Protein backbone atom coordinates (compact mmCIF):
# COMPACT_ATOMS: atom_id res chain seq x y z
CA MET A 1 47.98 13.63 -15.65
CA ALA A 2 45.28 15.29 -13.91
CA LEU A 3 42.91 17.85 -15.38
CA LYS A 4 40.59 20.14 -13.99
CA PHE A 5 36.93 20.26 -15.38
CA HIS A 6 34.07 22.31 -14.44
CA THR A 7 30.19 21.95 -15.56
CA LEU A 8 28.00 24.96 -16.39
CA ASP A 9 24.08 24.55 -17.49
CA VAL A 10 23.99 27.27 -20.42
CA PHE A 11 21.34 29.45 -21.38
CA THR A 12 19.44 28.90 -18.40
CA ASP A 13 19.45 30.87 -14.98
CA ARG A 14 19.04 27.83 -12.71
CA ARG A 15 21.02 24.14 -12.51
CA PHE A 16 19.61 21.67 -14.44
CA GLY A 17 17.97 23.59 -16.85
CA GLY A 18 19.74 24.74 -20.45
CA ASN A 19 22.47 22.73 -22.04
CA PRO A 20 25.27 21.11 -19.93
CA LEU A 21 28.40 21.95 -20.79
CA ALA A 22 31.96 20.61 -19.68
CA VAL A 23 35.03 22.79 -19.85
CA VAL A 24 38.25 21.00 -19.24
CA LEU A 25 40.97 23.90 -18.22
CA ASP A 26 44.93 23.94 -18.78
CA ALA A 27 44.85 21.59 -21.17
CA ASP A 28 48.02 22.46 -23.36
CA GLY A 29 49.42 18.97 -23.18
CA VAL A 30 46.28 17.27 -24.43
CA SER A 31 46.54 15.67 -27.97
CA GLU A 32 43.57 15.91 -30.16
CA ALA A 33 42.67 12.12 -29.93
CA GLU A 34 42.82 12.41 -25.98
CA MET A 35 40.57 15.49 -26.47
CA GLN A 36 37.94 13.36 -28.55
CA LYS A 37 38.22 10.67 -25.74
CA ILE A 38 37.30 12.81 -23.25
CA ALA A 39 34.23 14.33 -24.87
CA ARG A 40 32.80 10.78 -25.67
CA GLU A 41 33.35 10.26 -21.67
CA PHE A 42 31.61 13.59 -20.61
CA ASN A 43 29.05 12.46 -23.41
CA LEU A 44 27.35 16.07 -23.66
CA SER A 45 26.60 17.76 -26.58
CA GLU A 46 29.89 19.94 -26.62
CA THR A 47 33.13 19.69 -24.27
CA VAL A 48 35.69 22.92 -24.84
CA PHE A 49 39.37 22.36 -23.77
CA VAL A 50 40.90 25.35 -22.35
CA GLN A 51 44.15 26.08 -23.85
CA THR A 52 47.39 29.25 -23.69
CA PRO A 53 45.99 31.83 -26.24
CA THR A 54 48.37 32.52 -29.10
CA ARG A 55 48.25 36.47 -28.75
CA PRO A 56 49.21 37.39 -24.70
CA ALA A 57 46.22 39.93 -24.92
CA HIS A 58 43.39 37.52 -25.41
CA SER A 59 41.70 35.29 -22.86
CA ALA A 60 42.40 31.76 -24.22
CA LYS A 61 42.11 29.79 -26.91
CA MET A 62 39.40 26.96 -26.84
CA ARG A 63 38.61 23.87 -28.94
CA ILE A 64 35.44 22.42 -29.17
CA PHE A 65 34.45 18.73 -29.31
CA THR A 66 30.72 16.70 -30.19
CA PRO A 67 30.99 13.16 -28.99
CA ARG A 68 32.24 12.74 -32.52
CA SER A 69 34.05 15.33 -33.75
CA GLU A 70 36.06 18.71 -33.23
CA ILE A 71 34.03 21.53 -34.44
CA PRO A 72 35.09 25.47 -35.15
CA PHE A 73 32.34 27.28 -33.34
CA ALA A 74 29.17 26.78 -31.23
CA GLY A 75 27.27 28.95 -29.09
CA HIS A 76 27.06 27.44 -25.19
CA PRO A 77 30.33 26.39 -25.63
CA THR A 78 31.24 30.30 -26.44
CA VAL A 79 28.91 31.74 -23.30
CA GLY A 80 29.78 28.62 -20.49
CA THR A 81 33.23 29.54 -21.22
CA ALA A 82 33.07 33.07 -20.97
CA VAL A 83 31.23 33.23 -17.99
CA LEU A 84 33.48 30.63 -16.13
CA LEU A 85 36.42 32.40 -17.05
CA ALA A 86 35.16 35.57 -15.54
CA GLU A 87 34.44 34.12 -12.28
CA LEU A 88 37.59 32.95 -11.85
CA ASN A 89 39.73 35.32 -13.34
CA ALA A 90 38.13 38.71 -13.13
CA PRO A 91 38.83 41.31 -10.81
CA VAL A 92 35.84 42.57 -8.42
CA HIS A 93 35.15 46.52 -8.78
CA ASN A 94 32.56 48.59 -6.99
CA GLY A 95 30.70 45.59 -6.90
CA GLU A 96 30.89 44.21 -10.11
CA GLN A 97 32.10 41.71 -12.08
CA ASP A 98 32.16 42.21 -15.70
CA ALA A 99 35.07 41.32 -18.03
CA LEU A 100 35.30 41.39 -21.66
CA ILE A 101 36.69 37.42 -22.20
CA VAL A 102 38.42 36.97 -25.45
CA LEU A 103 38.42 33.77 -26.91
CA GLU A 104 40.54 32.28 -29.85
CA GLN A 105 38.35 29.84 -31.77
CA ASN A 106 38.95 27.50 -35.05
CA ILE A 107 36.16 29.75 -36.74
CA GLY A 108 38.69 32.88 -35.41
CA THR A 109 38.73 35.46 -32.85
CA VAL A 110 35.37 35.88 -30.51
CA ARG A 111 35.04 38.62 -28.23
CA VAL A 112 32.54 37.88 -25.24
CA GLY A 113 30.82 40.47 -22.57
CA ALA A 114 30.03 38.70 -19.17
CA ARG A 115 27.69 40.23 -16.65
CA LEU A 116 28.43 39.23 -12.81
CA ARG A 117 25.94 40.52 -10.56
CA ALA A 118 25.55 39.10 -6.92
CA GLY A 119 22.64 36.72 -6.16
CA ALA A 120 21.94 36.50 -9.82
CA ALA A 121 23.14 34.24 -12.92
CA ALA A 122 25.89 35.51 -15.36
CA PHE A 123 25.28 36.24 -18.59
CA ALA A 124 27.71 36.79 -21.45
CA GLU A 125 26.78 37.98 -25.05
CA PHE A 126 29.12 38.10 -28.08
CA ASP A 127 28.71 38.92 -31.46
CA ALA A 128 28.47 35.85 -33.97
CA PRO A 129 31.95 35.43 -35.98
CA LYS A 130 30.09 34.93 -39.33
CA LEU A 131 27.39 36.35 -40.77
CA PRO A 132 24.56 33.80 -41.97
CA ALA A 133 24.10 33.09 -45.76
CA GLU A 134 21.81 30.55 -47.53
CA ALA A 135 23.93 27.34 -48.11
CA GLY A 136 21.89 24.91 -50.38
CA ALA A 137 18.23 23.37 -51.43
CA LEU A 138 16.62 21.07 -49.15
CA PRO A 139 14.55 18.14 -50.82
CA PRO A 140 10.62 18.91 -51.06
CA ASP A 141 8.60 18.93 -48.07
CA ASP A 142 6.97 15.41 -48.48
CA ILE A 143 10.19 14.29 -47.96
CA LEU A 144 11.54 16.90 -45.04
CA ALA A 145 8.08 15.52 -43.47
CA ALA A 146 8.07 12.42 -43.57
CA GLY A 147 12.29 12.72 -42.15
CA LEU A 148 10.95 14.30 -38.81
CA GLY A 149 7.59 12.11 -38.85
CA LEU A 150 5.10 14.80 -40.02
CA ILE A 151 2.92 15.30 -42.44
CA PRO A 152 3.16 17.73 -45.31
CA SER A 153 0.55 20.33 -44.47
CA GLU A 154 2.63 20.54 -40.96
CA VAL A 155 5.87 21.74 -42.50
CA GLY A 156 6.05 26.11 -43.37
CA PHE A 157 3.87 28.52 -41.96
CA GLU A 158 3.24 32.09 -43.41
CA ASN A 159 5.89 32.72 -46.34
CA HIS A 160 8.37 30.60 -43.96
CA VAL A 161 10.09 27.21 -46.07
CA PRO A 162 12.39 24.89 -45.37
CA LEU A 163 16.21 26.64 -46.27
CA CYS A 164 19.74 25.49 -45.34
CA TYR A 165 21.65 28.67 -43.91
CA ALA A 166 25.47 28.73 -42.27
CA ALA A 167 27.13 30.42 -40.00
CA GLY A 168 30.31 28.70 -39.35
CA THR A 169 28.05 25.72 -39.15
CA THR A 170 25.42 24.46 -41.74
CA PHE A 171 22.02 23.89 -40.64
CA ALA A 172 18.72 22.66 -41.84
CA PHE A 173 16.13 25.12 -41.27
CA VAL A 174 12.53 23.53 -40.99
CA PRO A 175 9.55 25.21 -40.07
CA VAL A 176 6.31 23.92 -38.78
CA VAL A 177 2.91 24.81 -38.14
CA SER A 178 2.31 24.52 -34.48
CA LEU A 179 3.76 23.73 -30.90
CA GLU A 180 2.20 20.64 -31.18
CA ALA A 181 3.42 19.36 -34.81
CA ILE A 182 6.92 20.15 -33.52
CA GLY A 183 6.35 18.19 -29.99
CA ARG A 184 5.67 15.11 -32.02
CA ALA A 185 8.83 15.98 -34.76
CA ARG A 186 11.43 13.06 -34.23
CA VAL A 187 14.54 11.25 -35.81
CA ASN A 188 12.18 9.14 -38.21
CA GLY A 189 14.72 6.33 -39.13
CA ALA A 190 15.36 5.90 -42.98
CA HIS A 191 13.82 8.79 -43.77
CA TRP A 192 15.54 10.71 -41.83
CA GLU A 193 18.74 10.03 -43.97
CA ARG A 194 16.89 10.35 -47.38
CA ALA A 195 15.55 14.14 -46.27
CA PHE A 196 18.42 15.30 -44.53
CA GLU A 197 22.05 12.81 -44.11
CA GLN A 198 22.73 13.27 -47.53
CA GLN A 199 22.28 17.37 -47.71
CA GLY A 200 25.95 17.73 -45.99
CA VAL A 201 23.94 19.38 -43.16
CA SER A 202 25.38 19.21 -39.09
CA GLY A 203 22.06 19.53 -37.83
CA VAL A 204 18.08 20.39 -38.12
CA TYR A 205 16.70 22.68 -36.84
CA VAL A 206 12.45 23.06 -36.50
CA TYR A 207 11.20 26.28 -35.31
CA THR A 208 7.48 27.21 -34.91
CA ARG A 209 6.19 30.69 -33.76
CA GLN A 210 3.64 29.31 -31.33
CA CYS A 211 5.18 29.35 -27.91
CA THR A 212 5.51 27.52 -24.39
CA HIS A 213 5.92 32.11 -23.14
CA THR A 214 4.09 34.86 -24.56
CA SER A 215 8.38 36.04 -24.17
CA SER A 216 9.18 34.07 -26.68
CA ALA A 217 9.54 34.34 -30.33
CA PHE A 218 10.11 31.51 -31.57
CA HIS A 219 9.75 27.50 -30.14
CA VAL A 220 12.77 25.35 -31.70
CA ARG A 221 14.04 22.03 -31.43
CA MET A 222 17.37 21.00 -32.47
CA PHE A 223 18.02 17.27 -33.78
CA ALA A 224 22.23 16.29 -35.45
CA PRO A 225 22.33 12.11 -34.80
CA GLN A 226 25.10 12.73 -37.42
CA VAL A 227 27.77 14.53 -34.96
CA GLY A 228 26.40 12.34 -31.87
CA ILE A 229 23.81 14.47 -30.29
CA ALA A 230 20.18 12.54 -30.83
CA GLU A 231 18.88 16.18 -29.15
CA ASP A 232 20.19 19.34 -28.44
CA PRO A 233 18.75 21.56 -25.39
CA ALA A 234 20.44 24.95 -26.96
CA THR A 235 21.90 25.39 -29.79
CA GLY A 236 23.53 29.36 -30.26
CA SER A 237 25.48 28.52 -33.73
CA ALA A 238 21.73 27.49 -35.01
CA ALA A 239 20.33 30.85 -33.53
CA VAL A 240 22.59 32.59 -35.50
CA GLY A 241 21.29 30.61 -38.39
CA LEU A 242 18.26 31.42 -38.02
CA ALA A 243 18.69 35.41 -37.80
CA GLY A 244 19.25 34.97 -41.36
CA ILE A 245 15.45 33.22 -41.65
CA VAL A 246 14.03 36.21 -39.54
CA HIS A 247 15.85 38.23 -41.84
CA GLN A 248 14.76 37.02 -45.43
CA PHE A 249 11.34 36.36 -44.27
CA ASP A 250 9.91 38.83 -41.73
CA GLY A 251 11.13 42.03 -43.47
CA LEU A 252 12.31 43.57 -40.48
CA PRO A 253 12.91 47.60 -41.12
CA ASP A 254 16.47 49.14 -40.06
CA GLY A 255 17.09 48.84 -36.39
CA THR A 256 17.74 46.66 -33.73
CA HIS A 257 15.70 43.80 -33.22
CA ARG A 258 15.68 41.61 -30.07
CA ARG A 259 13.98 37.75 -30.01
CA ILE A 260 13.55 35.26 -27.13
CA VAL A 261 14.27 31.65 -28.30
CA GLU A 262 12.86 28.71 -26.44
CA GLN A 263 13.99 25.41 -27.01
CA GLY A 264 14.79 22.19 -24.79
CA TYR A 265 11.57 21.95 -23.34
CA GLU A 266 10.85 18.72 -24.71
CA MET A 267 13.82 17.35 -23.21
CA GLY A 268 12.91 18.48 -19.57
CA ARG A 269 15.80 21.52 -20.15
CA PRO A 270 13.98 24.46 -20.77
CA SER A 271 16.74 27.18 -22.25
CA GLN A 272 16.61 30.75 -23.45
CA ILE A 273 18.72 31.98 -26.07
CA VAL A 274 18.61 35.90 -26.78
CA LEU A 275 19.15 36.33 -30.39
CA THR A 276 19.50 39.78 -31.02
CA LEU A 277 19.52 41.31 -35.12
CA VAL A 278 20.77 44.65 -36.70
CA VAL A 279 19.62 45.55 -39.68
CA ALA A 280 21.26 48.69 -41.45
CA GLY A 281 20.35 49.99 -45.13
CA GLY A 282 18.04 46.56 -45.43
CA LYS A 283 20.83 44.31 -45.11
CA LEU A 284 21.53 42.00 -41.57
CA THR A 285 24.73 43.79 -40.31
CA THR A 286 24.89 42.00 -37.15
CA VAL A 287 23.75 38.68 -34.74
CA ARG A 288 24.32 38.39 -31.29
CA ILE A 289 23.53 35.29 -29.21
CA GLY A 290 23.22 35.94 -25.25
CA GLY A 291 22.64 33.95 -22.39
CA SER A 292 22.75 33.12 -18.72
CA ALA A 293 24.84 30.39 -17.58
CA VAL A 294 25.61 28.88 -13.89
CA ARG A 295 28.45 26.11 -12.25
CA VAL A 296 26.92 22.90 -11.47
CA SER A 297 30.44 20.85 -10.42
CA GLU A 298 33.91 20.60 -11.10
CA GLY A 299 36.49 17.87 -10.44
CA THR A 300 39.48 16.60 -11.94
CA ILE A 301 39.86 13.90 -14.83
CA GLU A 302 42.63 12.05 -15.42
CA VAL A 303 44.47 11.83 -19.15
């Protein structure tokens, strides 16, 4: 069986940046074992398999695989798949090609607004299907620092301290003092296992306020060797958790707050995630993830 696929670069407005994504179309007849083999073959952070939706009004059902396992939700697969389906299927009206793409994921139904304009990269944005919530404690700073190849004084800034947050996927969030320190962070052998793998997290999200671009609010890196991702160029699902961190530590007033999160620079894959937080009555009520995506290649793969 020959399956058609496309690859896209997501959370970027130009090819060969951002986070690469493979999207395999018409995958109704593909078994879970075959999906996992194909994901290992692409060897990207995630590979999406598009299937017929269970409800006719929806756009598609999608399943998301890392090279090692299926996951219920992820940001760059959501943005990239929505952009691809809009470009392939949405009608052009008055020179515009906007679409509401409704995706059935294991976490639930996700509605994505896609905006397509001639001469510009497509942009898609969605409300996170789950709000972030605290998800347990982490070891002391000296253990976390050793796991990242840093020194304890480089962990934490202002009132930000390491925490676990979950929004469908659980991440350890580790603030560090500087752009220089985050550039040295790494998966540090056996120290990593002691610091993070015993905590049941899917990945470790390291962040700092010092940024490469003045328009950015945070510079981040994400490591997830336990699911086959040595480092991720852009992590929308973790950015949802970052919204919980920002709300907890930064004391945002009621209203809508927009932050640009830069990631992937240490990998040569610069990415920008648009993170929007809505606070009402002192509570975080909505987290929105947005970004651009561009198609890079297409072809067929035999199963």
